[in-house]
PDB file of N, CA and C in Angstrom:
ATOM      1  N   MET A   1       1.095  -1.523  -0.145  1.00  0.00           N
ATOM      2  CA  MET A   1      -0.078  -0.017   0.481  1.00  0.00           C
ATOM      3  C   MET A   1       0.577   1.583   0.069  1.00  0.00           C
ATOM      4  N   LEU A   2       2.179   0.903   0.337  1.00  0.00           N
ATOM      5  CA  LEU A   2       2.899   2.295   1.449  1.00  0.00           C
ATOM      6  C   LEU A   2       3.616   2.083  -0.149  1.00  0.00           C
ATOM      7  N   ALA A   3       4.080   1.581  -1.099  1.00  0.00           N
ATOM      8  CA  ALA A   3       4.500   1.495  -3.025  1.00  0.00           C
ATOM      9  C   ALA A   3       3.595   2.304  -3.366  1.00  0.00           C
ATOM     10  N   ALA A   4       1.452   1.976  -3.710  1.00  0.00           N
ATOM     11  CA  ALA A   4       0.547   2.878  -3.539  1.00  0.00           C
ATOM     12  C   ALA A   4       0.439   4.038  -4.151  1.00  0.00           C
ATOM     13  N   MET A   5       1.054   4.860  -2.824  1.00  0.00           N
ATOM     14  CA  MET A   5       0.941   5.397  -2.012  1.00  0.00           C
ATOM     15  C   MET A   5       1.954   6.499  -2.708  1.00  0.00           C
ATOM     16  N   HIS A   6       3.164   5.660  -2.776  1.00  0.00           N
ATOM     17  CA  HIS A   6       4.419   6.570  -3.732  1.00  0.00           C
ATOM     18  C   HIS A   6       3.301   6.712  -5.004  1.00  0.00           C
ATOM     19  N   TYR A   7       3.862   5.828  -5.831  1.00  0.00           N
ATOM     20  CA  TYR A   7       2.586   6.351  -7.367  1.00  0.00           C
ATOM     21  C   TYR A   7       2.072   7.672  -7.250  1.00  0.00           C
ATOM     22  N   PHE A   8       1.459   7.003  -6.673  1.00  0.00           N
ATOM     23  CA  PHE A   8       0.256   8.055  -6.346  1.00  0.00           C
ATOM     24  C   PHE A   8       0.592   9.452  -6.962  1.00  0.00           C
ATOM     25  N   ARG A   9       2.084  10.116  -5.267  1.00  0.00           N
ATOM     26  CA  ARG A   9       2.231  11.009  -5.110  1.00  0.00           C
ATOM     27  C   ARG A   9       3.555  11.477  -6.346  1.00  0.00           C
ATOM     28  N   ASP A  10       4.164  10.723  -7.198  1.00  0.00           N
ATOM     29  CA  ASP A  10       4.599  11.394  -8.450  1.00  0.00           C
ATOM     30  C   ASP A  10       3.558  11.546  -9.421  1.00  0.00           C
ATOM     31  N   LEU A  11       2.525  11.189  -9.283  1.00  0.00           N
ATOM     32  CA  LEU A  11       1.724  11.576 -10.399  1.00  0.00           C
ATOM     33  C   LEU A  11       1.586  13.111 -10.964  1.00  0.00           C
ATOM     34  N   PRO A  12       1.685  14.073 -12.018  1.00  0.00           N
ATOM     35  CA  PRO A  12       1.118  15.073 -11.534  1.00  0.00           C
ATOM     36  C   PRO A  12      -0.159  15.626 -10.452  1.00  0.00           C
ATOM     37  N   ASP A  13      -0.201  16.913  -9.372  1.00  0.00           N
ATOM     38  CA  ASP A  13      -0.239  17.625  -9.122  1.00  0.00           C
ATOM     39  C   ASP A  13      -1.827  18.274  -9.757  1.00  0.00           C
ATOM     40  N   SER A  14      -1.838  18.186 -10.999  1.00  0.00           N
ATOM     41  CA  SER A  14      -3.762  18.310 -11.572  1.00  0.00           C
ATOM     42  C   SER A  14      -4.319  16.922 -11.940  1.00  0.00           C
ATOM     43  N   THR A  15      -3.144  15.740 -11.497  1.00  0.00           N
ATOM     44  CA  THR A  15      -4.590  14.353 -11.712  1.00  0.00           C
ATOM     45  C   THR A  15      -5.545  14.281 -11.225  1.00  0.00           C
ATOM     46  N   LEU A  16      -6.691  14.092 -11.356  1.00  0.00           N
ATOM     47  CA  LEU A  16      -8.602  14.346 -10.351  1.00  0.00           C
ATOM     48  C   LEU A  16      -7.731  12.374  -9.917  1.00  0.00           C
ATOM     49  N   VAL A  17      -9.165  12.153  -8.705  1.00  0.00           N
ATOM     50  CA  VAL A  17      -9.015  11.390  -7.864  1.00  0.00           C
ATOM     51  C   VAL A  17      -9.884  11.422  -7.748  1.00  0.00           C
ATOM     52  N   TYR A  18     -10.716  10.074  -8.241  1.00  0.00           N
ATOM     53  CA  TYR A  18     -12.663   9.876  -8.109  1.00  0.00           C
ATOM     54  C   TYR A  18     -12.589   8.631  -6.671  1.00  0.00           C
ATOM     55  N   CYS A  19     -12.741   8.972  -6.427  1.00  0.00           N
ATOM     56  CA  CYS A  19     -13.015   8.078  -5.104  1.00  0.00           C
ATOM     57  C   CYS A  19     -14.561   6.923  -5.383  1.00  0.00           C
ATOM     58  N   THR A  20     -14.506   6.024  -4.654  1.00  0.00           N
ATOM     59  CA  THR A  20     -16.054   5.734  -5.105  1.00  0.00           C
ATOM     60  C   THR A  20     -17.052   6.133  -4.612  1.00  0.00           C
ATOM     61  N   HIS A  21     -17.158   6.818  -3.085  1.00  0.00           N
ATOM     62  CA  HIS A  21     -18.072   6.440  -1.450  1.00  0.00           C
ATOM     63  C   HIS A  21     -17.385   7.532  -1.776  1.00  0.00           C
ATOM     64  N   GLU A  22     -18.697   9.077  -1.087  1.00  0.00           N
ATOM     65  CA  GLU A  22     -18.658   9.727  -0.567  1.00  0.00           C
ATOM     66  C   GLU A  22     -17.810  10.139   1.167  1.00  0.00           C
ATOM     67  N   TYR A  23     -16.234   8.785   1.174  1.00  0.00           N
ATOM     68  CA  TYR A  23     -15.481   9.352   3.142  1.00  0.00           C
ATOM     69  C   TYR A  23     -15.818  10.694   2.889  1.00  0.00           C
ATOM     70  N   SER A  24     -15.318  11.959   1.923  1.00  0.00           N
ATOM     71  CA  SER A  24     -13.655  12.928   2.463  1.00  0.00           C
ATOM     72  C   SER A  24     -14.234  13.516   3.447  1.00  0.00           C
ATOM     73  N   MET A  25     -15.741  13.537   4.405  1.00  0.00           N
ATOM     74  CA  MET A  25     -15.582  13.868   5.631  1.00  0.00           C
ATOM     75  C   MET A  25     -14.922  13.559   7.034  1.00  0.00           C
ATOM     76  N   ALA A  26     -14.945  12.291   6.047  1.00  0.00           N
ATOM     77  CA  ALA A  26     -14.752  11.140   7.952  1.00  0.00           C
ATOM     78  C   ALA A  26     -13.013  11.026   7.597  1.00  0.00           C
ATOM     79  N   ASN A  27     -12.622  11.487   6.279  1.00  0.00           N
ATOM     80  CA  ASN A  27     -11.420  10.922   5.431  1.00  0.00           C
ATOM     81  C   ASN A  27     -10.762  12.466   6.502  1.00  0.00           C
ATOM     82  N   LEU A  28     -11.040  13.159   6.526  1.00  0.00           N
ATOM     83  CA  LEU A  28     -10.229  14.739   6.695  1.00  0.00           C
ATOM     84  C   LEU A  28     -10.566  15.000   7.567  1.00  0.00           C
ATOM     85  N   ALA A  29     -11.809  13.723   9.011  1.00  0.00           N
ATOM     86  CA  ALA A  29     -11.789  14.291  10.692  1.00  0.00           C
ATOM     87  C   ALA A  29     -10.085  13.225  10.933  1.00  0.00           C
ATOM     88  N   PHE A  30     -10.382  12.319  10.478  1.00  0.00           N
ATOM     89  CA  PHE A  30      -8.617  10.940  10.678  1.00  0.00           C
ATOM     90  C   PHE A  30      -7.426  12.187  10.799  1.00  0.00           C
ATOM     91  N   ALA A  31      -8.078  12.787   9.057  1.00  0.00           N
ATOM     92  CA  ALA A  31      -6.069  13.276   9.194  1.00  0.00           C
ATOM     93  C   ALA A  31      -6.002  14.718   9.981  1.00  0.00           C
ATOM     94  N   ALA A  32      -7.580  15.431   9.980  1.00  0.00           N
ATOM     95  CA  ALA A  32      -7.488  16.526  11.314  1.00  0.00           C
ATOM     96  C   ALA A  32      -6.463  15.972  12.196  1.00  0.00           C
ATOM     97  N   ALA A  33      -6.858  15.051  12.772  1.00  0.00           N
ATOM     98  CA  ALA A  33      -6.291  14.168  14.460  1.00  0.00           C
ATOM     99  C   ALA A  33      -5.127  13.946  14.199  1.00  0.00           C
ATOM    100  N   VAL A  34      -4.798  13.310  12.671  1.00  0.00           N
ATOM    101  CA  VAL A  34      -3.406  13.166  13.077  1.00  0.00           C
ATOM    102  C   VAL A  34      -3.089  14.444  12.508  1.00  0.00           C
ATOM    103  N   GLU A  35      -3.079  15.758  11.834  1.00  0.00           N
ATOM    104  CA  GLU A  35      -2.308  17.120  11.267  1.00  0.00           C
ATOM    105  C   GLU A  35      -3.477  18.167  12.220  1.00  0.00           C
ATOM    106  N   PRO A  36      -3.605  18.049  13.351  1.00  0.00           N
ATOM    107  CA  PRO A  36      -5.040  19.261  14.032  1.00  0.00           C
ATOM    108  C   PRO A  36      -3.874  20.685  13.079  1.00  0.00           C
ATOM    109  N   ASN A  37      -3.024  20.721  12.875  1.00  0.00           N
ATOM    110  CA  ASN A  37      -1.958  22.194  13.034  1.00  0.00           C
ATOM    111  C   ASN A  37      -2.123  22.637  11.275  1.00  0.00           C
ATOM    112  N   ASN A  38      -2.804  21.266  10.127  1.00  0.00           N
ATOM    113  CA  ASN A  38      -1.989  21.720   9.139  1.00  0.00           C
ATOM    114  C   ASN A  38      -2.732  22.305   8.825  1.00  0.00           C
ATOM    115  N   THR A  39      -3.013  23.084   8.043  1.00  0.00           N
ATOM    116  CA  THR A  39      -4.150  24.889   7.484  1.00  0.00           C
ATOM    117  C   THR A  39      -4.914  23.797   6.359  1.00  0.00           C
ATOM    118  N   HIS A  40      -3.655  23.405   5.428  1.00  0.00           N
ATOM    119  CA  HIS A  40      -4.629  23.168   4.566  1.00  0.00           C
ATOM    120  C   HIS A  40      -6.004  21.990   5.085  1.00  0.00           C
ATOM    121  N   ILE A  41      -5.498  20.859   5.694  1.00  0.00           N
ATOM    122  CA  ILE A  41      -7.311  19.595   5.950  1.00  0.00           C
ATOM    123  C   ILE A  41      -7.891  21.547   6.426  1.00  0.00           C
ATOM    124  N   LEU A  42      -7.598  22.292   8.236  1.00  0.00           N
ATOM    125  CA  LEU A  42      -8.712  22.786   8.403  1.00  0.00           C
ATOM    126  C   LEU A  42      -9.024  23.180   6.637  1.00  0.00           C
ATOM    127  N   ASN A  43      -8.686  24.034   6.398  1.00  0.00           N
ATOM    128  CA  ASN A  43      -9.648  24.675   4.854  1.00  0.00           C
ATOM    129  C   ASN A  43     -10.181  23.486   3.935  1.00  0.00           C
ATOM    130  N   CYS A  44      -9.807  22.370   3.563  1.00  0.00           N
ATOM    131  CA  CYS A  44     -10.433  21.165   3.120  1.00  0.00           C
ATOM    132  C   CYS A  44     -11.848  20.426   3.830  1.00  0.00           C
ATOM    133  N   ILE A  45     -11.591  20.504   5.234  1.00  0.00           N
ATOM    134  CA  ILE A  45     -12.679  20.143   5.782  1.00  0.00           C
ATOM    135  C   ILE A  45     -14.178  21.281   5.862  1.00  0.00           C
ATOM    136  N   ASP A  46     -13.032  22.529   5.751  1.00  0.00           N
ATOM    137  CA  ASP A  46     -14.294  23.797   5.731  1.00  0.00           C
ATOM    138  C   ASP A  46     -15.253  23.340   4.010  1.00  0.00           C
ATOM    139  N   LYS A  47     -14.241  23.642   3.490  1.00  0.00           N
ATOM    140  CA  LYS A  47     -14.138  23.362   2.181  1.00  0.00           C
ATOM    141  C   LYS A  47     -15.721  22.569   2.206  1.00  0.00           C
ATOM    142  N   CYS A  48     -15.514  21.247   2.509  1.00  0.00           N
ATOM    143  CA  CYS A  48     -16.663  19.938   1.730  1.00  0.00           C
ATOM    144  C   CYS A  48     -17.612  20.106   3.118  1.00  0.00           C
ATOM    145  N   ARG A  49     -17.342  20.578   4.238  1.00  0.00           N
ATOM    146  CA  ARG A  49     -18.277  21.092   4.703  1.00  0.00           C
ATOM    147  C   ARG A  49     -19.961  21.518   3.953  1.00  0.00           C
ATOM    148  N   THR A  50     -19.078  22.955   3.677  1.00  0.00           N
ATOM    149  CA  THR A  50     -19.862  24.444   2.493  1.00  0.00           C
ATOM    150  C   THR A  50     -20.740  23.016   1.496  1.00  0.00           C
ATOM    151  N   LEU A  51     -19.496  22.198   0.764  1.00  0.00           N
ATOM    152  CA  LEU A  51     -20.753  21.489  -0.399  1.00  0.00           C
ATOM    153  C   LEU A  51     -21.818  20.148   0.290  1.00  0.00           C
ATOM    154  N   ARG A  52     -21.368  19.319   1.226  1.00  0.00           N
ATOM    155  CA  ARG A  52     -21.968  18.851   1.523  1.00  0.00           C
ATOM    156  C   ARG A  52     -23.524  19.405   2.313  1.00  0.00           C
ATOM    157  N   GLN A  53     -22.615  20.966   2.541  1.00  0.00           N
ATOM    158  CA  GLN A  53     -24.489  21.249   3.282  1.00  0.00           C
ATOM    159  C   GLN A  53     -25.454  21.732   2.284  1.00  0.00           C
ATOM    160  N   GLU A  54     -24.682  21.863   1.147  1.00  0.00           N
ATOM    161  CA  GLU A  54     -25.331  22.456  -0.023  1.00  0.00           C
ATOM    162  C   GLU A  54     -25.765  20.394  -1.286  1.00  0.00           C
ATOM    163  N   ASN A  55     -25.456  19.950  -0.196  1.00  0.00           N
ATOM    164  CA  ASN A  55     -25.564  18.683  -1.026  1.00  0.00           C
ATOM    165  C   ASN A  55     -25.260  18.144  -2.283  1.00  0.00           C
ATOM    166  N   LYS A  56     -23.960  18.632  -2.331  1.00  0.00           N
ATOM    167  CA  LYS A  56     -23.113  18.250  -3.728  1.00  0.00           C
ATOM    168  C   LYS A  56     -21.684  17.290  -3.291  1.00  0.00           C
ATOM    169  N   GLU A  57     -21.464  16.550  -4.064  1.00  0.00           N
ATOM    170  CA  GLU A  57     -20.862  15.609  -3.963  1.00  0.00           C
ATOM    171  C   GLU A  57     -18.973  16.483  -3.656  1.00  0.00           C
ATOM    172  N   THR A  58     -17.486  16.706  -2.782  1.00  0.00           N
ATOM    173  CA  THR A  58     -16.719  16.966  -2.634  1.00  0.00           C
ATOM    174  C   THR A  58     -16.318  16.006  -3.757  1.00  0.00           C
ATOM    175  N   LEU A  59     -15.875  15.394  -4.097  1.00  0.00           N
ATOM    176  CA  LEU A  59     -15.873  14.284  -4.940  1.00  0.00           C
ATOM    177  C   LEU A  59     -15.594  15.663  -6.911  1.00  0.00           C
ATOM    178  N   PRO A  60     -14.277  14.942  -7.284  1.00  0.00           N
ATOM    179  CA  PRO A  60     -13.206  14.774  -7.625  1.00  0.00           C
ATOM    180  C   PRO A  60     -12.415  15.688  -6.897  1.00  0.00           C
ATOM    181  N   SER A  61     -10.930  14.880  -6.157  1.00  0.00           N
ATOM    182  CA  SER A  61      -9.906  16.061  -5.777  1.00  0.00           C
ATOM    183  C   SER A  61      -8.525  15.620  -6.205  1.00  0.00           C
ATOM    184  N   THR A  62      -7.957  15.929  -5.717  1.00  0.00           N
ATOM    185  CA  THR A  62      -6.353  15.771  -6.923  1.00  0.00           C
ATOM    186  C   THR A  62      -4.963  15.290  -5.998  1.00  0.00           C
ATOM    187  N   ILE A  63      -4.176  14.833  -7.073  1.00  0.00           N
ATOM    188  CA  ILE A  63      -3.085  14.318  -6.536  1.00  0.00           C
ATOM    189  C   ILE A  63      -2.125  15.264  -5.592  1.00  0.00           C
ATOM    190  N   GLU A  64      -2.276  17.485  -6.310  1.00  0.00           N
ATOM    191  CA  GLU A  64      -2.190  18.409  -5.261  1.00  0.00           C
ATOM    192  C   GLU A  64      -3.063  18.077  -3.324  1.00  0.00           C
ATOM    193  N   GLN A  65      -3.547  18.474  -4.164  1.00  0.00           N
ATOM    194  CA  GLN A  65      -5.227  18.817  -2.493  1.00  0.00           C
ATOM    195  C   GLN A  65      -4.456  17.236  -1.673  1.00  0.00           C
ATOM    196  N   GLU A  66      -4.436  15.693  -2.491  1.00  0.00           N
ATOM    197  CA  GLU A  66      -4.653  14.326  -1.293  1.00  0.00           C
ATOM    198  C   GLU A  66      -2.907  14.919  -0.510  1.00  0.00           C
ATOM    199  N   LYS A  67      -1.369  15.258  -2.097  1.00  0.00           N
ATOM    200  CA  LYS A  67      -0.353  15.415  -1.203  1.00  0.00           C
ATOM    201  C   LYS A  67      -0.442  16.604  -0.185  1.00  0.00           C
ATOM    202  N   ARG A  68      -1.362  17.524   0.147  1.00  0.00           N
ATOM    203  CA  ARG A  68      -1.703  18.246   1.487  1.00  0.00           C
ATOM    204  C   ARG A  68      -2.337  17.794   3.095  1.00  0.00           C
ATOM    205  N   VAL A  69      -3.095  17.175   2.354  1.00  0.00           N
ATOM    206  CA  VAL A  69      -4.167  16.289   3.801  1.00  0.00           C
ATOM    207  C   VAL A  69      -4.599  15.044   3.481  1.00  0.00           C
ATOM    208  N   ASN A  70      -4.102  13.996   2.953  1.00  0.00           N
ATOM    209  CA  ASN A  70      -4.060  12.667   3.093  1.00  0.00           C
ATOM    210  C   ASN A  70      -2.985  12.104   3.275  1.00  0.00           C
ATOM    211  N   PRO A  71      -2.748  11.390   4.626  1.00  0.00           N
ATOM    212  CA  PRO A  71      -2.023  11.549   6.003  1.00  0.00           C
ATOM    213  C   PRO A  71      -1.125   9.686   4.876  1.00  0.00           C
ATOM    214  N   TYR A  72      -1.963   9.309   4.523  1.00  0.00           N
ATOM    215  CA  TYR A  72      -1.019   7.879   3.339  1.00  0.00           C
ATOM    216  C   TYR A  72      -0.473   8.601   2.784  1.00  0.00           C
ATOM    217  N   MET A  73      -0.031   9.747   1.801  1.00  0.00           N
ATOM    218  CA  MET A  73       0.528   9.758   1.261  1.00  0.00           C
ATOM    219  C   MET A  73       1.972  11.747   2.626  1.00  0.00           C
ATOM    220  N   ARG A  74       1.755  11.883   3.409  1.00  0.00           N
ATOM    221  CA  ARG A  74       3.135  12.165   4.056  1.00  0.00           C
ATOM    222  C   ARG A  74       3.030  11.496   5.630  1.00  0.00           C
ATOM    223  N   THR A  75       3.321  10.276   5.104  1.00  0.00           N
ATOM    224  CA  THR A  75       4.676   9.332   5.731  1.00  0.00           C
ATOM    225  C   THR A  75       5.247   9.819   5.901  1.00  0.00           C
ATOM    226  N   ASP A  76       5.978  10.527   5.341  1.00  0.00           N
ATOM    227  CA  ASP A  76       7.439  11.597   5.251  1.00  0.00           C
ATOM    228  C   ASP A  76       7.336  12.202   5.957  1.00  0.00           C
ATOM    229  N   GLN A  77       6.428  12.920   6.593  1.00  0.00           N
ATOM    230  CA  GLN A  77       6.753  14.429   6.864  1.00  0.00           C
ATOM    231  C   GLN A  77       6.411  14.532   9.048  1.00  0.00           C
ATOM    232  N   PRO A  78       7.624  15.109   9.511  1.00  0.00           N
ATOM    233  CA  PRO A  78       7.511  15.080  10.435  1.00  0.00           C
ATOM    234  C   PRO A  78       6.520  15.145  11.396  1.00  0.00           C
ATOM    235  N   ASP A  79       5.114  16.047  11.158  1.00  0.00           N
ATOM    236  CA  ASP A  79       4.133  16.280  11.727  1.00  0.00           C
ATOM    237  C   ASP A  79       3.670  14.448  12.044  1.00  0.00           C
ATOM    238  N   VAL A  80       3.304  14.192  10.688  1.00  0.00           N
ATOM    239  CA  VAL A  80       2.572  13.323  10.615  1.00  0.00           C
ATOM    240  C   VAL A  80       4.376  11.830  11.397  1.00  0.00           C
ATOM    241  N   ILE A  81       4.864  11.838  11.116  1.00  0.00           N
ATOM    242  CA  ILE A  81       5.615  10.833  12.048  1.00  0.00           C
ATOM    243  C   ILE A  81       6.026  10.629  13.206  1.00  0.00           C
ATOM    244  N   ALA A  82       5.334  12.172  13.570  1.00  0.00           N
ATOM    245  CA  ALA A  82       5.217  12.244  15.473  1.00  0.00           C
ATOM    246  C   ALA A  82       3.717  11.365  16.184  1.00  0.00           C
ATOM    247  N   ALA A  83       3.030  12.091  15.207  1.00  0.00           N
ATOM    248  CA  ALA A  83       1.354  11.546  15.465  1.00  0.00           C
ATOM    249  C   ALA A  83       1.898   9.964  15.180  1.00  0.00           C
ATOM    250  N   ALA A  84       1.945   9.497  14.388  1.00  0.00           N
ATOM    251  CA  ALA A  84       2.266   7.972  14.230  1.00  0.00           C
ATOM    252  C   ALA A  84       3.414   7.043  15.375  1.00  0.00           C
ATOM    253  N   ILE A  85       4.266   7.831  15.938  1.00  0.00           N
ATOM    254  CA  ILE A  85       4.724   6.935  17.209  1.00  0.00           C
ATOM    255  C   ILE A  85       4.111   7.030  18.668  1.00  0.00           C
ATOM    256  N   ASP A  86       3.393   8.953  18.441  1.00  0.00           N
ATOM    257  CA  ASP A  86       2.264   8.766  19.671  1.00  0.00           C
ATOM    258  C   ASP A  86       1.081   7.560  19.435  1.00  0.00           C
ATOM    259  N   TYR A  87       0.370   7.425  17.907  1.00  0.00           N
ATOM    260  CA  TYR A  87       0.097   6.601  18.869  1.00  0.00           C
ATOM    261  C   TYR A  87       0.101   4.770  18.313  1.00  0.00           C
ATOM    262  N   ASP A  88       1.594   4.877  18.215  1.00  0.00           N
ATOM    263  CA  ASP A  88       2.322   3.715  17.828  1.00  0.00           C
ATOM    264  C   ASP A  88       3.494   3.690  18.085  1.00  0.00           C
ATOM    265  N   PRO A  89       4.731   3.459  19.880  1.00  0.00           N
ATOM    266  CA  PRO A  89       6.072   3.730  19.403  1.00  0.00           C
ATOM    267  C   PRO A  89       5.838   3.041  18.727  1.00  0.00           C
ATOM    268  N   GLN A  90       6.187   1.349  18.099  1.00  0.00           N
ATOM    269  CA  GLN A  90       6.676   1.225  17.504  1.00  0.00           C
ATOM    270  C   GLN A  90       6.750   1.690  15.987  1.00  0.00           C
ATOM    271  N   ALA A  91       5.951   2.684  15.534  1.00  0.00           N
ATOM    272  CA  ALA A  91       6.343   3.060  14.216  1.00  0.00           C
ATOM    273  C   ALA A  91       7.558   4.234  13.687  1.00  0.00           C
ATOM    274  N   SER A  92       8.814   4.448  14.736  1.00  0.00           N
ATOM    275  CA  SER A  92       9.550   5.008  14.595  1.00  0.00           C
ATOM    276  C   SER A  92      11.113   4.292  13.946  1.00  0.00           C
ATOM    277  N   GLY A  93      10.571   2.986  13.685  1.00  0.00           N
ATOM    278  CA  GLY A  93      11.345   2.870  12.416  1.00  0.00           C
ATOM    279  C   GLY A  93      11.938   2.698  11.198  1.00  0.00           C
ATOM    280  N   SER A  94      10.857   2.985  10.408  1.00  0.00           N
ATOM    281  CA  SER A  94       9.880   3.646   9.118  1.00  0.00           C
ATOM    282  C   SER A  94       9.176   3.538   8.986  1.00  0.00           C
ATOM    283  N   GLU A  95       9.245   4.568   7.398  1.00  0.00           N
ATOM    284  CA  GLU A  95       8.472   4.764   6.975  1.00  0.00           C
ATOM    285  C   GLU A  95       7.081   3.992   6.547  1.00  0.00           C
ATOM    286  N   THR A  96       7.632   2.392   6.608  1.00  0.00           N
ATOM    287  CA  THR A  96       6.318   1.030   5.769  1.00  0.00           C
ATOM    288  C   THR A  96       5.662   1.710   7.543  1.00  0.00           C
ATOM    289  N   GLN A  97       6.821   1.459   8.984  1.00  0.00           N
ATOM    290  CA  GLN A  97       5.904   1.200   9.643  1.00  0.00           C
ATOM    291  C   GLN A  97       5.185   2.354  10.517  1.00  0.00           C
ATOM    292  N   VAL A  98       5.379   3.797  10.296  1.00  0.00           N
ATOM    293  CA  VAL A  98       4.272   5.131  10.389  1.00  0.00           C
ATOM    294  C   VAL A  98       2.800   5.176   9.262  1.00  0.00           C
ATOM    295  N   PHE A  99       2.917   4.631   8.412  1.00  0.00           N
ATOM    296  CA  PHE A  99       2.247   3.429   7.237  1.00  0.00           C
ATOM    297  C   PHE A  99       0.901   2.530   8.070  1.00  0.00           C
ATOM    298  N   ALA A 100       1.907   1.876   8.845  1.00  0.00           N
ATOM    299  CA  ALA A 100       1.389   0.538   9.464  1.00  0.00           C
ATOM    300  C   ALA A 100       0.538   0.806  11.081  1.00  0.00           C
ATOM    301  N   ALA A 101       1.014   2.196  11.626  1.00  0.00           N
ATOM    302  CA  ALA A 101       0.350   2.942  12.460  1.00  0.00           C
ATOM    303  C   ALA A 101      -0.513   3.238  12.237  1.00  0.00           C
ATOM    304  N   LEU A 102      -0.993   3.942  11.392  1.00  0.00           N
ATOM    305  CA  LEU A 102      -1.989   4.304  10.721  1.00  0.00           C
ATOM    306  C   LEU A 102      -3.063   4.542  10.106  1.00  0.00           C
ATOM    307  N   ARG A 103      -2.887   3.129   9.153  1.00  0.00           N
ATOM    308  CA  ARG A 103      -3.122   2.286   8.813  1.00  0.00           C
ATOM    309  C   ARG A 103      -4.680   1.471  10.054  1.00  0.00           C
ATOM    310  N   GLU A 104      -3.565   1.393  11.256  1.00  0.00           N
ATOM    311  CA  GLU A 104      -4.388   0.688  11.983  1.00  0.00           C
ATOM    312  C   GLU A 104      -5.061   1.544  13.576  1.00  0.00           C
ATOM    313  N   TRP A 105      -4.374   2.651  13.850  1.00  0.00           N
ATOM    314  CA  TRP A 105      -5.210   3.868  14.070  1.00  0.00           C
ATOM    315  C   TRP A 105      -6.190   4.221  13.192  1.00  0.00           C
ATOM    316  N   LYS A 106      -6.445   4.329  12.033  1.00  0.00           N
ATOM    317  CA  LYS A 106      -7.589   4.788  10.999  1.00  0.00           C
ATOM    318  C   LYS A 106      -8.665   3.853  11.589  1.00  0.00           C
ATOM    319  N   ASN A 107      -8.443   1.989  10.872  1.00  0.00           N
ATOM    320  CA  ASN A 107      -8.859   0.790  11.876  1.00  0.00           C
ATOM    321  C   ASN A 107      -9.800   1.324  13.318  1.00  0.00           C
ATOM    322  N   ASN A 108      -9.310   1.658  14.234  1.00  0.00           N
ATOM    323  CA  ASN A 108      -9.907   2.191  15.339  1.00  0.00           C
ATOM    324  C   ASN A 108     -10.335   3.635  15.710  1.00  0.00           C
ATOM    325  N   PHE A 109     -10.218   4.799  14.390  1.00  0.00           N
ATOM    326  CA  PHE A 109     -10.541   5.136  14.251  1.00  0.00           C
ATOM    327  C   PHE A 109     -12.828   5.846  14.777  1.00  0.00           C
TER     328      PHE A 109
END
């Protein structure tokens, strides 16, 4: 899964991301728990909340946005690493362990 995130992260920023379900708000809530001070996440939450209140879809996203808000695409960022280690101290060894800690955290979120 981490290799897939690296593949997606390397796509052009303008690449559209179409998810199959409307999970944006739930995914952003998790992202905000991982990075509560990430202004891109907070702004995206506001935008998506407004869209949902207007009964509009929040999708598609872009690779550019995902690189700013998706913790699975940010496993090399210091704040994400620190949050993963706070959740699971074993996550300190590698990016793969950070990713695994995030997945487990999301499973229990």
